[in-house]
Amino acid sequence: MGFWTASIAENAGIKGTDSLHIAMAEKGKAEYFVTCDDSIYKKAKKYQKELKIKVYGILEFLEEVLNLVTNNRQD
C-alpha cells in the first residue's frame, strides 16, 4: 500500500524521499500529511483522490484545527 502511494506521488512530480514521506505517513495510518513545502502541497493536492491520506498545507491544517476547536466550544 505504501509503495502504491509513493508511485502516485512520483507520478504527481513528487520525487525521491518526499514521495516516500507521503507513503510512510499512509503506511503508519496517519490521517494527515502536513507540509510547509508549497511544491509538494500543490502537486499532492492534484492527486488527492488517488492518495489515501489527506494532504494539508500548514496554514490550511491550522485553520481546520481552529474551526474544529471553535465548533466544539459552541456545542
N, C-alpha and C. Protein backbone atom coordinates (compact mmCIF):
# COMPACT_ATOMS: atom_id res chain seq x y z
N MET A 1 0.83 -1.19 0.00
CA MET A 1 0.00 0.00 0.00
C MET A 1 0.87 1.25 0.00
N GLY A 2 1.89 1.31 0.81
CA GLY A 2 2.75 2.49 0.87
C GLY A 2 3.47 2.74 -0.44
N PHE A 3 3.91 1.66 -1.11
CA PHE A 3 4.62 1.85 -2.37
C PHE A 3 3.67 2.32 -3.47
N TRP A 4 2.41 1.89 -3.39
CA TRP A 4 1.41 2.38 -4.34
C TRP A 4 1.29 3.89 -4.20
N THR A 5 1.24 4.37 -2.98
CA THR A 5 1.16 5.81 -2.73
C THR A 5 2.41 6.51 -3.21
N ALA A 6 3.58 5.93 -2.98
CA ALA A 6 4.82 6.53 -3.46
C ALA A 6 4.79 6.65 -4.97
N SER A 7 4.25 5.65 -5.65
CA SER A 7 4.14 5.68 -7.10
C SER A 7 3.22 6.81 -7.56
N ILE A 8 2.08 6.97 -6.90
CA ILE A 8 1.15 8.07 -7.22
C ILE A 8 1.84 9.40 -7.00
N ALA A 9 2.52 9.53 -5.86
CA ALA A 9 3.21 10.78 -5.55
C ALA A 9 4.27 11.08 -6.60
N GLU A 10 5.03 10.07 -7.02
CA GLU A 10 6.04 10.30 -8.05
C GLU A 10 5.40 10.67 -9.38
N ASN A 11 4.26 10.08 -9.70
CA ASN A 11 3.53 10.47 -10.92
C ASN A 11 3.07 11.92 -10.85
N ALA A 12 2.84 12.42 -9.65
CA ALA A 12 2.44 13.81 -9.46
C ALA A 12 3.63 14.75 -9.54
N GLY A 13 4.83 14.18 -9.68
CA GLY A 13 6.02 15.02 -9.76
C GLY A 13 6.73 15.19 -8.42
N ILE A 14 6.28 14.44 -7.42
CA ILE A 14 6.92 14.48 -6.10
C ILE A 14 7.97 13.38 -6.09
N LYS A 15 9.21 13.76 -6.02
CA LYS A 15 10.30 12.81 -6.23
C LYS A 15 10.99 12.38 -4.93
N GLY A 16 11.68 11.25 -5.04
CA GLY A 16 12.59 10.78 -4.01
C GLY A 16 11.98 10.63 -2.64
N THR A 17 12.68 11.17 -1.66
CA THR A 17 12.26 10.99 -0.27
C THR A 17 10.94 11.69 0.04
N ASP A 18 10.60 12.73 -0.72
CA ASP A 18 9.32 13.39 -0.49
C ASP A 18 8.16 12.43 -0.77
N SER A 19 8.24 11.65 -1.85
CA SER A 19 7.18 10.69 -2.13
C SER A 19 7.15 9.58 -1.07
N LEU A 20 8.32 9.21 -0.58
CA LEU A 20 8.37 8.19 0.48
C LEU A 20 7.79 8.72 1.79
N HIS A 21 7.96 10.00 2.08
CA HIS A 21 7.36 10.57 3.29
C HIS A 21 5.85 10.43 3.25
N ILE A 22 5.25 10.71 2.11
CA ILE A 22 3.80 10.57 1.97
C ILE A 22 3.40 9.10 2.13
N ALA A 23 4.16 8.21 1.48
CA ALA A 23 3.86 6.78 1.56
C ALA A 23 3.98 6.25 2.99
N MET A 24 5.00 6.68 3.70
CA MET A 24 5.19 6.21 5.08
C MET A 24 4.14 6.77 6.02
N ALA A 25 3.69 7.98 5.76
CA ALA A 25 2.60 8.54 6.56
C ALA A 25 1.34 7.69 6.38
N GLU A 26 1.08 7.29 5.14
CA GLU A 26 -0.07 6.43 4.88
C GLU A 26 0.12 5.06 5.53
N LYS A 27 1.28 4.48 5.35
CA LYS A 27 1.54 3.16 5.92
C LYS A 27 1.43 3.17 7.44
N GLY A 28 1.82 4.29 8.06
CA GLY A 28 1.70 4.44 9.51
C GLY A 28 0.29 4.81 9.95
N LYS A 29 -0.64 4.83 9.00
CA LYS A 29 -2.05 5.11 9.26
C LYS A 29 -2.29 6.53 9.80
N ALA A 30 -1.44 7.47 9.36
CA ALA A 30 -1.67 8.87 9.71
C ALA A 30 -2.93 9.35 8.99
N GLU A 31 -3.68 10.21 9.63
CA GLU A 31 -4.85 10.78 8.98
C GLU A 31 -4.47 11.89 8.02
N TYR A 32 -3.39 12.59 8.33
CA TYR A 32 -3.00 13.77 7.57
C TYR A 32 -1.51 13.74 7.24
N PHE A 33 -1.18 14.35 6.12
CA PHE A 33 0.20 14.67 5.79
C PHE A 33 0.25 16.18 5.69
N VAL A 34 0.96 16.81 6.61
CA VAL A 34 1.02 18.28 6.68
C VAL A 34 2.40 18.72 6.24
N THR A 35 2.44 19.66 5.30
CA THR A 35 3.72 20.14 4.79
C THR A 35 3.73 21.66 4.67
N CYS A 36 4.90 22.23 4.81
CA CYS A 36 5.05 23.66 4.55
C CYS A 36 5.78 23.88 3.23
N ASP A 37 6.00 22.80 2.48
CA ASP A 37 6.63 22.86 1.16
C ASP A 37 5.53 23.06 0.12
N ASP A 38 5.44 24.27 -0.43
CA ASP A 38 4.37 24.59 -1.38
C ASP A 38 4.39 23.70 -2.62
N SER A 39 5.56 23.32 -3.07
CA SER A 39 5.68 22.48 -4.25
C SER A 39 5.05 21.11 -4.01
N ILE A 40 5.40 20.48 -2.90
CA ILE A 40 4.82 19.17 -2.56
C ILE A 40 3.32 19.30 -2.36
N TYR A 41 2.90 20.33 -1.65
CA TYR A 41 1.48 20.53 -1.36
C TYR A 41 0.66 20.65 -2.65
N LYS A 42 1.09 21.52 -3.55
CA LYS A 42 0.33 21.75 -4.79
C LYS A 42 0.27 20.49 -5.65
N LYS A 43 1.37 19.78 -5.75
CA LYS A 43 1.39 18.55 -6.55
C LYS A 43 0.52 17.47 -5.92
N ALA A 44 0.62 17.30 -4.61
CA ALA A 44 -0.15 16.26 -3.92
C ALA A 44 -1.64 16.56 -3.96
N LYS A 45 -2.02 17.83 -3.86
CA LYS A 45 -3.44 18.20 -3.90
C LYS A 45 -4.09 17.81 -5.22
N LYS A 46 -3.33 17.87 -6.31
CA LYS A 46 -3.87 17.49 -7.62
C LYS A 46 -4.26 16.01 -7.66
N TYR A 47 -3.59 15.21 -6.84
CA TYR A 47 -3.83 13.76 -6.81
C TYR A 47 -4.51 13.32 -5.52
N GLN A 48 -5.16 14.25 -4.84
CA GLN A 48 -5.76 13.95 -3.53
C GLN A 48 -6.69 12.75 -3.58
N LYS A 49 -7.47 12.60 -4.64
CA LYS A 49 -8.43 11.49 -4.72
C LYS A 49 -7.74 10.14 -4.82
N GLU A 50 -6.58 10.10 -5.47
CA GLU A 50 -5.85 8.84 -5.61
C GLU A 50 -5.06 8.48 -4.35
N LEU A 51 -4.65 9.48 -3.60
CA LEU A 51 -3.90 9.23 -2.37
C LEU A 51 -4.86 8.77 -1.27
N LYS A 52 -4.36 8.01 -0.35
CA LYS A 52 -5.22 7.50 0.73
C LYS A 52 -4.97 8.25 2.03
N ILE A 53 -4.43 9.44 1.92
CA ILE A 53 -4.14 10.27 3.08
C ILE A 53 -4.49 11.71 2.72
N LYS A 54 -4.99 12.47 3.66
CA LYS A 54 -5.34 13.87 3.42
C LYS A 54 -4.07 14.71 3.47
N VAL A 55 -3.88 15.53 2.45
CA VAL A 55 -2.70 16.38 2.37
C VAL A 55 -3.11 17.82 2.68
N TYR A 56 -2.40 18.43 3.60
CA TYR A 56 -2.68 19.81 4.00
C TYR A 56 -1.40 20.64 3.95
N GLY A 57 -1.55 21.90 3.60
CA GLY A 57 -0.51 22.88 3.84
C GLY A 57 -0.63 23.26 5.31
N ILE A 58 0.43 23.77 5.88
CA ILE A 58 0.44 24.04 7.32
C ILE A 58 -0.65 25.04 7.71
N LEU A 59 -0.82 26.10 6.92
CA LEU A 59 -1.84 27.10 7.27
C LEU A 59 -3.25 26.54 7.12
N GLU A 60 -3.46 25.75 6.08
CA GLU A 60 -4.76 25.11 5.86
C GLU A 60 -5.09 24.16 7.02
N PHE A 61 -4.09 23.42 7.48
CA PHE A 61 -4.29 22.50 8.59
C PHE A 61 -4.62 23.24 9.88
N LEU A 62 -3.88 24.31 10.16
CA LEU A 62 -4.16 25.09 11.37
C LEU A 62 -5.56 25.69 11.33
N GLU A 63 -5.98 26.14 10.16
CA GLU A 63 -7.34 26.68 10.01
C GLU A 63 -8.37 25.59 10.30
N GLU A 64 -8.14 24.39 9.80
CA GLU A 64 -9.04 23.26 10.03
C GLU A 64 -9.14 22.94 11.53
N VAL A 65 -8.00 22.91 12.20
CA VAL A 65 -7.98 22.62 13.64
C VAL A 65 -8.71 23.71 14.42
N LEU A 66 -8.45 24.97 14.08
CA LEU A 66 -9.13 26.08 14.77
C LEU A 66 -10.64 26.02 14.56
N ASN A 67 -11.07 25.66 13.36
CA ASN A 67 -12.51 25.51 13.10
C ASN A 67 -13.10 24.39 13.95
N LEU A 68 -12.40 23.28 14.07
CA LEU A 68 -12.89 22.18 14.90
C LEU A 68 -13.00 22.59 16.36
N VAL A 69 -11.99 23.29 16.86
CA VAL A 69 -12.00 23.75 18.25
C VAL A 69 -13.15 24.72 18.47
N THR A 70 -13.32 25.65 17.56
CA THR A 70 -14.40 26.64 17.67
C THR A 70 -15.76 25.97 17.64
N ASN A 71 -15.95 25.02 16.73
CA ASN A 71 -17.24 24.32 16.63
C ASN A 71 -17.52 23.49 17.87
N ASN A 72 -16.50 22.88 18.45
CA ASN A 72 -16.68 22.08 19.66
C ASN A 72 -17.05 22.94 20.85
N ARG A 73 -16.55 24.16 20.90
CA ARG A 73 -16.88 25.07 22.01
C ARG A 73 -18.33 25.54 21.92
N GLN A 74 -18.86 25.60 20.72
CA GLN A 74 -20.23 26.08 20.53
C GLN A 74 -21.25 25.00 20.86
N ASP A 75 -20.83 23.75 20.85
CA ASP A 75 -21.77 22.63 21.11
C ASP A 75 -22.10 22.48 22.55
